[in-house]
Amino acid sequence: MFCKLKILMFYKFTIKNMNKFLPLLYLIFLCLIFQCVSHKPRMWTRIPKFLVDSRVQQFLYQHRITNCYEFRESDTNLLLKCWKDEQLTDVSIEINPGKREQPQYYGLSISI
């Protein structure tokens, strides 16, 4: 009898506290979903060896980027202020080193 009462009291206690932690669990769930979305698959297409500059020009032309001012942020970053559809637009061209960092994964355990 005492054992049943103890289990019943523990059950009621956990149900009351679970309502308090439900928003926290929902927030953790949303964080996990958004973390997974950031690693979307990409299809890389090869640009012929000496046509990279024309491909960059074509990209700028397709997006109607014209009349630019430049600022060299660093050796590997060029910032542009350009007109696009009668509005001032920021454009950044950045060269990243070839070494890629592995994403860090963190363990998460939830017990109820």
PDB file of N, CA and C in Angstrom:
ATOM      1  N   MET A   1       0.822  -1.194   0.000  1.00  0.00           N
ATOM      2  CA  MET A   1       0.000   0.000   0.000  1.00  0.00           C
ATOM      3  C   MET A   1       0.866   1.258   0.000  1.00  0.00           C
ATOM      4  N   PHE A   2       1.876   1.250   0.870  1.00  0.00           N
ATOM      5  CA  PHE A   2       2.765   2.404   0.956  1.00  0.00           C
ATOM      6  C   PHE A   2       3.512   2.616  -0.358  1.00  0.00           C
ATOM      7  N   CYS A   3       3.915   1.508  -1.009  1.00  0.00           N
ATOM      8  CA  CYS A   3       4.644   1.589  -2.270  1.00  0.00           C
ATOM      9  C   CYS A   3       3.769   2.187  -3.365  1.00  0.00           C
ATOM     10  N   LYS A   4       2.492   1.779  -3.427  1.00  0.00           N
ATOM     11  CA  LYS A   4       1.579   2.327  -4.428  1.00  0.00           C
ATOM     12  C   LYS A   4       1.363   3.816  -4.195  1.00  0.00           C
ATOM     13  N   LEU A   5       1.211   4.220  -2.967  1.00  0.00           N
ATOM     14  CA  LEU A   5       0.997   5.625  -2.651  1.00  0.00           C
ATOM     15  C   LEU A   5       2.218   6.450  -3.029  1.00  0.00           C
ATOM     16  N   LYS A   6       3.384   5.924  -2.772  1.00  0.00           N
ATOM     17  CA  LYS A   6       4.622   6.640  -3.104  1.00  0.00           C
ATOM     18  C   LYS A   6       4.759   6.809  -4.624  1.00  0.00           C
ATOM     19  N   ILE A   7       4.459   5.769  -5.373  1.00  0.00           N
ATOM     20  CA  ILE A   7       4.534   5.850  -6.841  1.00  0.00           C
ATOM     21  C   ILE A   7       3.495   6.830  -7.369  1.00  0.00           C
ATOM     22  N   LEU A   8       2.285   6.810  -6.811  1.00  0.00           N
ATOM     23  CA  LEU A   8       1.226   7.716  -7.237  1.00  0.00           C
ATOM     24  C   LEU A   8       1.608   9.163  -6.950  1.00  0.00           C
ATOM     25  N   MET A   9       2.204   9.433  -5.771  1.00  0.00           N
ATOM     26  CA  MET A   9       2.635  10.791  -5.435  1.00  0.00           C
ATOM     27  C   MET A   9       3.751  11.247  -6.377  1.00  0.00           C
ATOM     28  N   PHE A  10       4.691  10.371  -6.695  1.00  0.00           N
ATOM     29  CA  PHE A  10       5.772  10.705  -7.618  1.00  0.00           C
ATOM     30  C   PHE A  10       5.214  11.016  -9.011  1.00  0.00           C
ATOM     31  N   TYR A  11       4.206  10.259  -9.440  1.00  0.00           N
ATOM     32  CA  TYR A  11       3.582  10.457 -10.747  1.00  0.00           C
ATOM     33  C   TYR A  11       2.914  11.825 -10.815  1.00  0.00           C
ATOM     34  N   LYS A  12       2.153  12.200  -9.775  1.00  0.00           N
ATOM     35  CA  LYS A  12       1.497  13.507  -9.760  1.00  0.00           C
ATOM     36  C   LYS A  12       2.525  14.627  -9.725  1.00  0.00           C
ATOM     37  N   PHE A  13       3.600  14.444  -8.974  1.00  0.00           N
ATOM     38  CA  PHE A  13       4.647  15.457  -8.889  1.00  0.00           C
ATOM     39  C   PHE A  13       5.309  15.686 -10.252  1.00  0.00           C
ATOM     40  N   THR A  14       5.580  14.612 -10.996  1.00  0.00           N
ATOM     41  CA  THR A  14       6.243  14.765 -12.291  1.00  0.00           C
ATOM     42  C   THR A  14       5.320  15.387 -13.322  1.00  0.00           C
ATOM     43  N   ILE A  15       4.023  15.107 -13.280  1.00  0.00           N
ATOM     44  CA  ILE A  15       3.089  15.716 -14.227  1.00  0.00           C
ATOM     45  C   ILE A  15       3.001  17.219 -13.983  1.00  0.00           C
ATOM     46  N   LYS A  16       2.970  17.643 -12.737  1.00  0.00           N
ATOM     47  CA  LYS A  16       2.918  19.082 -12.437  1.00  0.00           C
ATOM     48  C   LYS A  16       4.185  19.782 -12.923  1.00  0.00           C
ATOM     49  N   ASN A  17       5.339  19.196 -12.688  1.00  0.00           N
ATOM     50  CA  ASN A  17       6.601  19.813 -13.111  1.00  0.00           C
ATOM     51  C   ASN A  17       6.800  19.747 -14.611  1.00  0.00           C
ATOM     52  N   MET A  18       6.216  18.758 -15.239  1.00  0.00           N
ATOM     53  CA  MET A  18       6.383  18.624 -16.682  1.00  0.00           C
ATOM     54  C   MET A  18       5.765  19.808 -17.418  1.00  0.00           C
ATOM     55  N   ASN A  19       4.659  20.338 -16.908  1.00  0.00           N
ATOM     56  CA  ASN A  19       4.040  21.510 -17.527  1.00  0.00           C
ATOM     57  C   ASN A  19       4.942  22.728 -17.439  1.00  0.00           C
ATOM     58  N   LYS A  20       5.778  22.792 -16.407  1.00  0.00           N
ATOM     59  CA  LYS A  20       6.718  23.903 -16.284  1.00  0.00           C
ATOM     60  C   LYS A  20       7.864  23.776 -17.282  1.00  0.00           C
ATOM     61  N   PHE A  21       8.293  22.548 -17.557  1.00  0.00           N
ATOM     62  CA  PHE A  21       9.442  22.334 -18.423  1.00  0.00           C
ATOM     63  C   PHE A  21       9.069  22.146 -19.890  1.00  0.00           C
ATOM     64  N   LEU A  22       7.789  22.102 -20.202  1.00  0.00           N
ATOM     65  CA  LEU A  22       7.361  21.898 -21.579  1.00  0.00           C
ATOM     66  C   LEU A  22       7.859  22.998 -22.518  1.00  0.00           C
ATOM     67  N   PRO A  23       7.780  24.296 -22.150  1.00  0.00           N
ATOM     68  CA  PRO A  23       8.349  25.324 -23.045  1.00  0.00           C
ATOM     69  C   PRO A  23       9.856  25.159 -23.260  1.00  0.00           C
ATOM     70  N   LEU A  24      10.562  24.726 -22.217  1.00  0.00           N
ATOM     71  CA  LEU A  24      11.997  24.504 -22.353  1.00  0.00           C
ATOM     72  C   LEU A  24      12.286  23.362 -23.324  1.00  0.00           C
ATOM     73  N   LEU A  25      11.539  22.288 -23.214  1.00  0.00           N
ATOM     74  CA  LEU A  25      11.708  21.172 -24.144  1.00  0.00           C
ATOM     75  C   LEU A  25      11.377  21.586 -25.568  1.00  0.00           C
ATOM     76  N   TYR A  26      10.359  22.399 -25.733  1.00  0.00           N
ATOM     77  CA  TYR A  26       9.986  22.902 -27.056  1.00  0.00           C
ATOM     78  C   TYR A  26      11.114  23.755 -27.640  1.00  0.00           C
ATOM     79  N   LEU A  27      11.718  24.596 -26.823  1.00  0.00           N
ATOM     80  CA  LEU A  27      12.824  25.435 -27.276  1.00  0.00           C
ATOM     81  C   LEU A  27      14.031  24.597 -27.687  1.00  0.00           C
ATOM     82  N   ILE A  28      14.345  23.578 -26.909  1.00  0.00           N
ATOM     83  CA  ILE A  28      15.454  22.680 -27.251  1.00  0.00           C
ATOM     84  C   ILE A  28      15.164  21.957 -28.560  1.00  0.00           C
ATOM     85  N   PHE A  29      13.933  21.528 -28.745  1.00  0.00           N
ATOM     86  CA  PHE A  29      13.544  20.863 -29.988  1.00  0.00           C
ATOM     87  C   PHE A  29      13.715  21.786 -31.186  1.00  0.00           C
ATOM     88  N   LEU A  30      13.297  23.050 -31.064  1.00  0.00           N
ATOM     89  CA  LEU A  30      13.453  24.003 -32.167  1.00  0.00           C
ATOM     90  C   LEU A  30      14.927  24.265 -32.478  1.00  0.00           C
ATOM     91  N   CYS A  31      15.752  24.357 -31.440  1.00  0.00           N
ATOM     92  CA  CYS A  31      17.189  24.559 -31.661  1.00  0.00           C
ATOM     93  C   CYS A  31      17.797  23.388 -32.429  1.00  0.00           C
ATOM     94  N   LEU A  32      17.386  22.182 -32.097  1.00  0.00           N
ATOM     95  CA  LEU A  32      17.891  21.007 -32.807  1.00  0.00           C
ATOM     96  C   LEU A  32      17.447  21.014 -34.259  1.00  0.00           C
ATOM     97  N   ILE A  33      16.221  21.401 -34.521  1.00  0.00           N
ATOM     98  CA  ILE A  33      15.715  21.449 -35.898  1.00  0.00           C
ATOM     99  C   ILE A  33      16.494  22.480 -36.703  1.00  0.00           C
ATOM    100  N   PHE A  34      16.692  23.680 -36.163  1.00  0.00           N
ATOM    101  CA  PHE A  34      17.407  24.709 -36.908  1.00  0.00           C
ATOM    102  C   PHE A  34      18.875  24.356 -37.100  1.00  0.00           C
ATOM    103  N   GLN A  35      19.461  23.610 -36.192  1.00  0.00           N
ATOM    104  CA  GLN A  35      20.843  23.169 -36.343  1.00  0.00           C
ATOM    105  C   GLN A  35      20.966  22.212 -37.517  1.00  0.00           C
ATOM    106  N   CYS A  36      19.995  21.355 -37.711  1.00  0.00           N
ATOM    107  CA  CYS A  36      20.033  20.391 -38.809  1.00  0.00           C
ATOM    108  C   CYS A  36      19.804  21.060 -40.158  1.00  0.00           C
ATOM    109  N   VAL A  37      19.006  22.126 -40.196  1.00  0.00           N
ATOM    110  CA  VAL A  37      18.686  22.787 -41.457  1.00  0.00           C
ATOM    111  C   VAL A  37      19.897  23.514 -42.030  1.00  0.00           C
ATOM    112  N   SER A  38      20.819  23.967 -41.176  1.00  0.00           N
ATOM    113  CA  SER A  38      21.946  24.755 -41.654  1.00  0.00           C
ATOM    114  C   SER A  38      22.925  23.948 -42.499  1.00  0.00           C
ATOM    115  N   HIS A  39      22.883  22.630 -42.420  1.00  0.00           N
ATOM    116  CA  HIS A  39      23.792  21.797 -43.196  1.00  0.00           C
ATOM    117  C   HIS A  39      23.062  21.205 -44.396  1.00  0.00           C
ATOM    118  N   LYS A  40      22.645  22.077 -45.309  1.00  0.00           N
ATOM    119  CA  LYS A  40      21.910  21.597 -46.470  1.00  0.00           C
ATOM    120  C   LYS A  40      22.884  21.074 -47.532  1.00  0.00           C
ATOM    121  N   PRO A  41      22.457  20.124 -48.330  1.00  0.00           N
ATOM    122  CA  PRO A  41      23.338  19.610 -49.384  1.00  0.00           C
ATOM    123  C   PRO A  41      23.514  20.648 -50.495  1.00  0.00           C
ATOM    124  N   ARG A  42      24.682  20.629 -51.108  1.00  0.00           N
ATOM    125  CA  ARG A  42      24.987  21.586 -52.182  1.00  0.00           C
ATOM    126  C   ARG A  42      25.502  20.842 -53.398  1.00  0.00           C
ATOM    127  N   MET A  43      25.139  21.341 -54.560  1.00  0.00           N
ATOM    128  CA  MET A  43      25.605  20.775 -55.818  1.00  0.00           C
ATOM    129  C   MET A  43      26.630  21.735 -56.413  1.00  0.00           C
ATOM    130  N   TRP A  44      27.884  21.308 -56.468  1.00  0.00           N
ATOM    131  CA  TRP A  44      28.965  22.147 -56.990  1.00  0.00           C
ATOM    132  C   TRP A  44      29.123  21.864 -58.478  1.00  0.00           C
ATOM    133  N   THR A  45      29.170  22.928 -59.283  1.00  0.00           N
ATOM    134  CA  THR A  45      29.402  22.777 -60.718  1.00  0.00           C
ATOM    135  C   THR A  45      30.738  23.417 -61.061  1.00  0.00           C
ATOM    136  N   ARG A  46      31.464  22.777 -61.956  1.00  0.00           N
ATOM    137  CA  ARG A  46      32.800  23.249 -62.321  1.00  0.00           C
ATOM    138  C   ARG A  46      32.712  24.423 -63.287  1.00  0.00           C
ATOM    139  N   ILE A  47      33.552  25.434 -63.016  1.00  0.00           N
ATOM    140  CA  ILE A  47      33.715  26.562 -63.926  1.00  0.00           C
ATOM    141  C   ILE A  47      35.012  26.318 -64.678  1.00  0.00           C
ATOM    142  N   PRO A  48      35.010  26.418 -65.997  1.00  0.00           N
ATOM    143  CA  PRO A  48      36.259  26.214 -66.745  1.00  0.00           C
ATOM    144  C   PRO A  48      37.384  27.126 -66.231  1.00  0.00           C
ATOM    145  N   LYS A  49      38.609  26.663 -66.388  1.00  0.00           N
ATOM    146  CA  LYS A  49      39.780  27.232 -65.719  1.00  0.00           C
ATOM    147  C   LYS A  49      39.923  28.751 -65.862  1.00  0.00           C
ATOM    148  N   PHE A  50      39.817  29.298 -67.037  1.00  0.00           N
ATOM    149  CA  PHE A  50      40.066  30.732 -67.232  1.00  0.00           C
ATOM    150  C   PHE A  50      38.778  31.536 -67.417  1.00  0.00           C
ATOM    151  N   LEU A  51      37.646  31.004 -66.976  1.00  0.00           N
ATOM    152  CA  LEU A  51      36.371  31.701 -67.137  1.00  0.00           C
ATOM    153  C   LEU A  51      35.737  32.099 -65.800  1.00  0.00           C
ATOM    154  N   VAL A  52      36.512  32.072 -64.726  1.00  0.00           N
ATOM    155  CA  VAL A  52      35.977  32.421 -63.415  1.00  0.00           C
ATOM    156  C   VAL A  52      35.561  33.893 -63.389  1.00  0.00           C
ATOM    157  N   ASP A  53      36.395  34.782 -63.937  1.00  0.00           N
ATOM    158  CA  ASP A  53      36.058  36.203 -63.921  1.00  0.00           C
ATOM    159  C   ASP A  53      34.785  36.507 -64.709  1.00  0.00           C
ATOM    160  N   SER A  54      34.592  35.834 -65.829  1.00  0.00           N
ATOM    161  CA  SER A  54      33.362  36.064 -66.597  1.00  0.00           C
ATOM    162  C   SER A  54      32.140  35.503 -65.867  1.00  0.00           C
ATOM    163  N   ARG A  55      32.313  34.413 -65.106  1.00  0.00           N
ATOM    164  CA  ARG A  55      31.200  33.862 -64.328  1.00  0.00           C
ATOM    165  C   ARG A  55      30.805  34.803 -63.195  1.00  0.00           C
ATOM    166  N   VAL A  56      31.791  35.430 -62.556  1.00  0.00           N
ATOM    167  CA  VAL A  56      31.500  36.406 -61.510  1.00  0.00           C
ATOM    168  C   VAL A  56      30.795  37.626 -62.117  1.00  0.00           C
ATOM    169  N   GLN A  57      31.249  38.078 -63.279  1.00  0.00           N
ATOM    170  CA  GLN A  57      30.589  39.186 -63.970  1.00  0.00           C
ATOM    171  C   GLN A  57      29.149  38.830 -64.337  1.00  0.00           C
ATOM    172  N   GLN A  58      28.954  37.610 -64.804  1.00  0.00           N
ATOM    173  CA  GLN A  58      27.603  37.162 -65.163  1.00  0.00           C
ATOM    174  C   GLN A  58      26.692  37.146 -63.926  1.00  0.00           C
ATOM    175  N   PHE A  59      27.225  36.691 -62.796  1.00  0.00           N
ATOM    176  CA  PHE A  59      26.454  36.673 -61.554  1.00  0.00           C
ATOM    177  C   PHE A  59      26.040  38.089 -61.163  1.00  0.00           C
ATOM    178  N   LEU A  60      26.976  39.026 -61.215  1.00  0.00           N
ATOM    179  CA  LEU A  60      26.660  40.415 -60.882  1.00  0.00           C
ATOM    180  C   LEU A  60      25.646  40.999 -61.858  1.00  0.00           C
ATOM    181  N   TYR A  61      25.766  40.656 -63.130  1.00  0.00           N
ATOM    182  CA  TYR A  61      24.832  41.150 -64.141  1.00  0.00           C
ATOM    183  C   TYR A  61      23.430  40.576 -63.918  1.00  0.00           C
ATOM    184  N   GLN A  62      23.341  39.295 -63.592  1.00  0.00           N
ATOM    185  CA  GLN A  62      22.038  38.661 -63.346  1.00  0.00           C
ATOM    186  C   GLN A  62      21.308  39.310 -62.176  1.00  0.00           C
ATOM    187  N   HIS A  63      22.065  39.753 -61.183  1.00  0.00           N
ATOM    188  CA  HIS A  63      21.455  40.375 -60.007  1.00  0.00           C
ATOM    189  C   HIS A  63      21.405  41.898 -60.121  1.00  0.00           C
ATOM    190  N   ARG A  64      21.694  42.412 -61.288  1.00  0.00           N
ATOM    191  CA  ARG A  64      21.614  43.843 -61.605  1.00  0.00           C
ATOM    192  C   ARG A  64      22.434  44.699 -60.625  1.00  0.00           C
ATOM    193  N   ILE A  65      23.651  44.230 -60.339  1.00  0.00           N
ATOM    194  CA  ILE A  65      24.574  44.971 -59.478  1.00  0.00           C
ATOM    195  C   ILE A  65      25.391  45.903 -60.368  1.00  0.00           C
ATOM    196  N   THR A  66      25.244  47.211 -60.147  1.00  0.00           N
ATOM    197  CA  THR A  66      25.943  48.197 -60.984  1.00  0.00           C
ATOM    198  C   THR A  66      26.473  49.327 -60.104  1.00  0.00           C
ATOM    199  N   ASN A  67      27.334  50.135 -60.687  1.00  0.00           N
ATOM    200  CA  ASN A  67      27.809  51.375 -60.076  1.00  0.00           C
ATOM    201  C   ASN A  67      28.319  51.146 -58.653  1.00  0.00           C
ATOM    202  N   CYS A  68      29.468  50.492 -58.533  1.00  0.00           N
ATOM    203  CA  CYS A  68      29.979  50.049 -57.231  1.00  0.00           C
ATOM    204  C   CYS A  68      31.134  50.912 -56.728  1.00  0.00           C
ATOM    205  N   TYR A  69      31.243  50.973 -55.416  1.00  0.00           N
ATOM    206  CA  TYR A  69      32.388  51.537 -54.728  1.00  0.00           C
ATOM    207  C   TYR A  69      33.017  50.407 -53.923  1.00  0.00           C
ATOM    208  N   GLU A  70      34.355  50.377 -53.893  1.00  0.00           N
ATOM    209  CA  GLU A  70      35.027  49.263 -53.245  1.00  0.00           C
ATOM    210  C   GLU A  70      35.762  49.695 -51.994  1.00  0.00           C
ATOM    211  N   PHE A  71      35.911  48.747 -51.074  1.00  0.00           N
ATOM    212  CA  PHE A  71      36.751  48.908 -49.889  1.00  0.00           C
ATOM    213  C   PHE A  71      37.379  47.553 -49.605  1.00  0.00           C
ATOM    214  N   ARG A  72      38.701  47.539 -49.529  1.00  0.00           N
ATOM    215  CA  ARG A  72      39.404  46.288 -49.266  1.00  0.00           C
ATOM    216  C   ARG A  72      39.545  46.114 -47.759  1.00  0.00           C
ATOM    217  N   GLU A  73      38.696  45.256 -47.208  1.00  0.00           N
ATOM    218  CA  GLU A  73      38.674  44.999 -45.769  1.00  0.00           C
ATOM    219  C   GLU A  73      39.960  44.315 -45.311  1.00  0.00           C
ATOM    220  N   SER A  74      40.401  43.325 -46.055  1.00  0.00           N
ATOM    221  CA  SER A  74      41.642  42.603 -45.760  1.00  0.00           C
ATOM    222  C   SER A  74      42.185  42.063 -47.084  1.00  0.00           C
ATOM    223  N   ASP A  75      43.260  41.282 -46.992  1.00  0.00           N
ATOM    224  CA  ASP A  75      43.830  40.704 -48.214  1.00  0.00           C
ATOM    225  C   ASP A  75      42.874  39.739 -48.898  1.00  0.00           C
ATOM    226  N   THR A  76      41.953  39.180 -48.128  1.00  0.00           N
ATOM    227  CA  THR A  76      41.050  38.168 -48.687  1.00  0.00           C
ATOM    228  C   THR A  76      39.588  38.595 -48.717  1.00  0.00           C
ATOM    229  N   ASN A  77      39.293  39.874 -48.431  1.00  0.00           N
ATOM    230  CA  ASN A  77      37.905  40.315 -48.387  1.00  0.00           C
ATOM    231  C   ASN A  77      37.752  41.666 -49.086  1.00  0.00           C
ATOM    232  N   LEU A  78      36.892  41.702 -50.077  1.00  0.00           N
ATOM    233  CA  LEU A  78      36.592  42.933 -50.811  1.00  0.00           C
ATOM    234  C   LEU A  78      35.130  43.279 -50.566  1.00  0.00           C
ATOM    235  N   LEU A  79      34.889  44.467 -50.024  1.00  0.00           N
ATOM    236  CA  LEU A  79      33.532  44.930 -49.762  1.00  0.00           C
ATOM    237  C   LEU A  79      33.129  45.924 -50.834  1.00  0.00           C
ATOM    238  N   LEU A  80      31.913  45.800 -51.316  1.00  0.00           N
ATOM    239  CA  LEU A  80      31.393  46.692 -52.349  1.00  0.00           C
ATOM    240  C   LEU A  80      30.090  47.316 -51.877  1.00  0.00           C
ATOM    241  N   LYS A  81      29.899  48.581 -52.209  1.00  0.00           N
ATOM    242  CA  LYS A  81      28.604  49.260 -52.049  1.00  0.00           C
ATOM    243  C   LYS A  81      28.133  49.539 -53.469  1.00  0.00           C
ATOM    244  N   CYS A  82      27.023  48.924 -53.848  1.00  0.00           N
ATOM    245  CA  CYS A  82      26.570  48.990 -55.236  1.00  0.00           C
ATOM    246  C   CYS A  82      25.094  49.349 -55.308  1.00  0.00           C
ATOM    247  N   TRP A  83      24.703  49.805 -56.489  1.00  0.00           N
ATOM    248  CA  TRP A  83      23.295  50.073 -56.745  1.00  0.00           C
ATOM    249  C   TRP A  83      22.648  48.827 -57.330  1.00  0.00           C
ATOM    250  N   LYS A  84      21.472  48.515 -56.808  1.00  0.00           N
ATOM    251  CA  LYS A  84      20.653  47.425 -57.354  1.00  0.00           C
ATOM    252  C   LYS A  84      19.209  47.879 -57.274  1.00  0.00           C
ATOM    253  N   ASP A  85      18.572  48.004 -58.402  1.00  0.00           N
ATOM    254  CA  ASP A  85      17.165  48.421 -58.470  1.00  0.00           C
ATOM    255  C   ASP A  85      16.929  49.714 -57.701  1.00  0.00           C
ATOM    256  N   GLU A  86      17.784  50.699 -57.933  1.00  0.00           N
ATOM    257  CA  GLU A  86      17.683  52.030 -57.322  1.00  0.00           C
ATOM    258  C   GLU A  86      17.806  52.002 -55.795  1.00  0.00           C
ATOM    259  N   GLN A  87      18.502  50.993 -55.259  1.00  0.00           N
ATOM    260  CA  GLN A  87      18.772  50.923 -53.818  1.00  0.00           C
ATOM    261  C   GLN A  87      20.235  50.570 -53.609  1.00  0.00           C
ATOM    262  N   LEU A  88      20.800  51.102 -52.537  1.00  0.00           N
ATOM    263  CA  LEU A  88      22.180  50.798 -52.186  1.00  0.00           C
ATOM    264  C   LEU A  88      22.250  49.409 -51.566  1.00  0.00           C
ATOM    265  N   THR A  89      23.169  48.571 -52.063  1.00  0.00           N
ATOM    266  CA  THR A  89      23.279  47.178 -51.646  1.00  0.00           C
ATOM    267  C   THR A  89      24.717  46.872 -51.249  1.00  0.00           C
ATOM    268  N   ASP A  90      24.886  46.067 -50.199  1.00  0.00           N
ATOM    269  CA  ASP A  90      26.211  45.619 -49.782  1.00  0.00           C
ATOM    270  C   ASP A  90      26.548  44.299 -50.473  1.00  0.00           C
ATOM    271  N   VAL A  91      27.765  44.219 -51.013  1.00  0.00           N
ATOM    272  CA  VAL A  91      28.259  42.994 -51.639  1.00  0.00           C
ATOM    273  C   VAL A  91      29.611  42.689 -51.009  1.00  0.00           C
ATOM    274  N   SER A  92      29.836  41.428 -50.663  1.00  0.00           N
ATOM    275  CA  SER A  92      31.096  41.021 -50.064  1.00  0.00           C
ATOM    276  C   SER A  92      31.665  39.863 -50.872  1.00  0.00           C
ATOM    277  N   ILE A  93      32.914  39.992 -51.276  1.00  0.00           N
ATOM    278  CA  ILE A  93      33.626  38.911 -51.954  1.00  0.00           C
ATOM    279  C   ILE A  93      34.754  38.499 -51.021  1.00  0.00           C
ATOM    280  N   GLU A  94      34.689  37.255 -50.557  1.00  0.00           N
ATOM    281  CA  GLU A  94      35.650  36.786 -49.561  1.00  0.00           C
ATOM    282  C   GLU A  94      36.312  35.505 -50.037  1.00  0.00           C
ATOM    283  N   ILE A  95      37.620  35.428 -49.849  1.00  0.00           N
ATOM    284  CA  ILE A  95      38.375  34.221 -50.182  1.00  0.00           C
ATOM    285  C   ILE A  95      38.653  33.496 -48.876  1.00  0.00           C
ATOM    286  N   ASN A  96      38.119  32.286 -48.756  1.00  0.00           N
ATOM    287  CA  ASN A  96      38.333  31.467 -47.560  1.00  0.00           C
ATOM    288  C   ASN A  96      39.485  30.501 -47.809  1.00  0.00           C
ATOM    289  N   PRO A  97      40.306  30.251 -46.794  1.00  0.00           N
ATOM    290  CA  PRO A  97      41.381  29.270 -46.978  1.00  0.00           C
ATOM    291  C   PRO A  97      40.816  27.876 -47.246  1.00  0.00           C
ATOM    292  N   GLY A  98      41.617  27.032 -47.878  1.00  0.00           N
ATOM    293  CA  GLY A  98      41.169  25.705 -48.260  1.00  0.00           C
ATOM    294  C   GLY A  98      40.904  24.764 -47.105  1.00  0.00           C
ATOM    295  N   LYS A  99      41.478  25.033 -45.935  1.00  0.00           N
ATOM    296  CA  LYS A  99      41.287  24.152 -44.786  1.00  0.00           C
ATOM    297  C   LYS A  99      39.892  24.379 -44.214  1.00  0.00           C
ATOM    298  N   ARG A 100      39.118  23.314 -44.152  1.00  0.00           N
ATOM    299  CA  ARG A 100      37.758  23.416 -43.637  1.00  0.00           C
ATOM    300  C   ARG A 100      37.706  22.860 -42.224  1.00  0.00           C
ATOM    301  N   GLU A 101      36.956  23.527 -41.392  1.00  0.00           N
ATOM    302  CA  GLU A 101      36.780  23.062 -40.025  1.00  0.00           C
ATOM    303  C   GLU A 101      35.616  22.086 -39.971  1.00  0.00           C
ATOM    304  N   GLN A 102      35.773  21.063 -39.178  1.00  0.00           N
ATOM    305  CA  GLN A 102      34.688  20.111 -38.967  1.00  0.00           C
ATOM    306  C   GLN A 102      33.673  20.728 -38.008  1.00  0.00           C
ATOM    307  N   PRO A 103      32.389  20.560 -38.278  1.00  0.00           N
ATOM    308  CA  PRO A 103      31.397  21.092 -37.338  1.00  0.00           C
ATOM    309  C   PRO A 103      31.479  20.365 -36.002  1.00  0.00           C
ATOM    310  N   GLN A 104      31.271  21.099 -34.942  1.00  0.00           N
ATOM    311  CA  GLN A 104      31.306  20.504 -33.611  1.00  0.00           C
ATOM    312  C   GLN A 104      29.913  20.010 -33.258  1.00  0.00           C
ATOM    313  N   TYR A 105      29.858  18.786 -32.786  1.00  0.00           N
ATOM    314  CA  TYR A 105      28.598  18.209 -32.370  1.00  0.00           C
ATOM    315  C   TYR A 105      28.612  18.083 -30.844  1.00  0.00           C
ATOM    316  N   TYR A 106      27.518  18.434 -30.246  1.00  0.00           N
ATOM    317  CA  TYR A 106      27.404  18.372 -28.807  1.00  0.00           C
ATOM    318  C   TYR A 106      26.362  17.315 -28.436  1.00  0.00           C
ATOM    319  N   GLY A 107      26.692  16.525 -27.459  1.00  0.00           N
ATOM    320  CA  GLY A 107      25.761  15.506 -26.989  1.00  0.00           C
ATOM    321  C   GLY A 107      24.650  16.138 -26.175  1.00  0.00           C
ATOM    322  N   LEU A 108      23.469  15.624 -26.327  1.00  0.00           N
ATOM    323  CA  LEU A 108      22.321  16.139 -25.597  1.00  0.00           C
ATOM    324  C   LEU A 108      21.486  14.966 -25.141  1.00  0.00           C
ATOM    325  N   SER A 109      21.193  14.937 -23.878  1.00  0.00           N
ATOM    326  CA  SER A 109      20.317  13.891 -23.362  1.00  0.00           C
ATOM    327  C   SER A 109      19.243  14.535 -22.512  1.00  0.00           C
ATOM    328  N   ILE A 110      18.029  14.082 -22.696  1.00  0.00           N
ATOM    329  CA  ILE A 110      16.893  14.584 -21.951  1.00  0.00           C
ATOM    330  C   ILE A 110      16.218  13.399 -21.292  1.00  0.00           C
ATOM    331  N   SER A 111      15.968  13.501 -20.012  1.00  0.00           N
ATOM    332  CA  SER A 111      15.257  12.428 -19.331  1.00  0.00           C
ATOM    333  C   SER A 111      14.076  13.023 -18.588  1.00  0.00           C
ATOM    334  N   ILE A 112      12.986  12.335 -18.690  1.00  0.00           N
ATOM    335  CA  ILE A 112      11.755  12.807 -18.040  1.00  0.00           C
ATOM    336  C   ILE A 112      11.306  11.752 -17.054  1.00  0.00           C
TER     337      ILE A 112
END
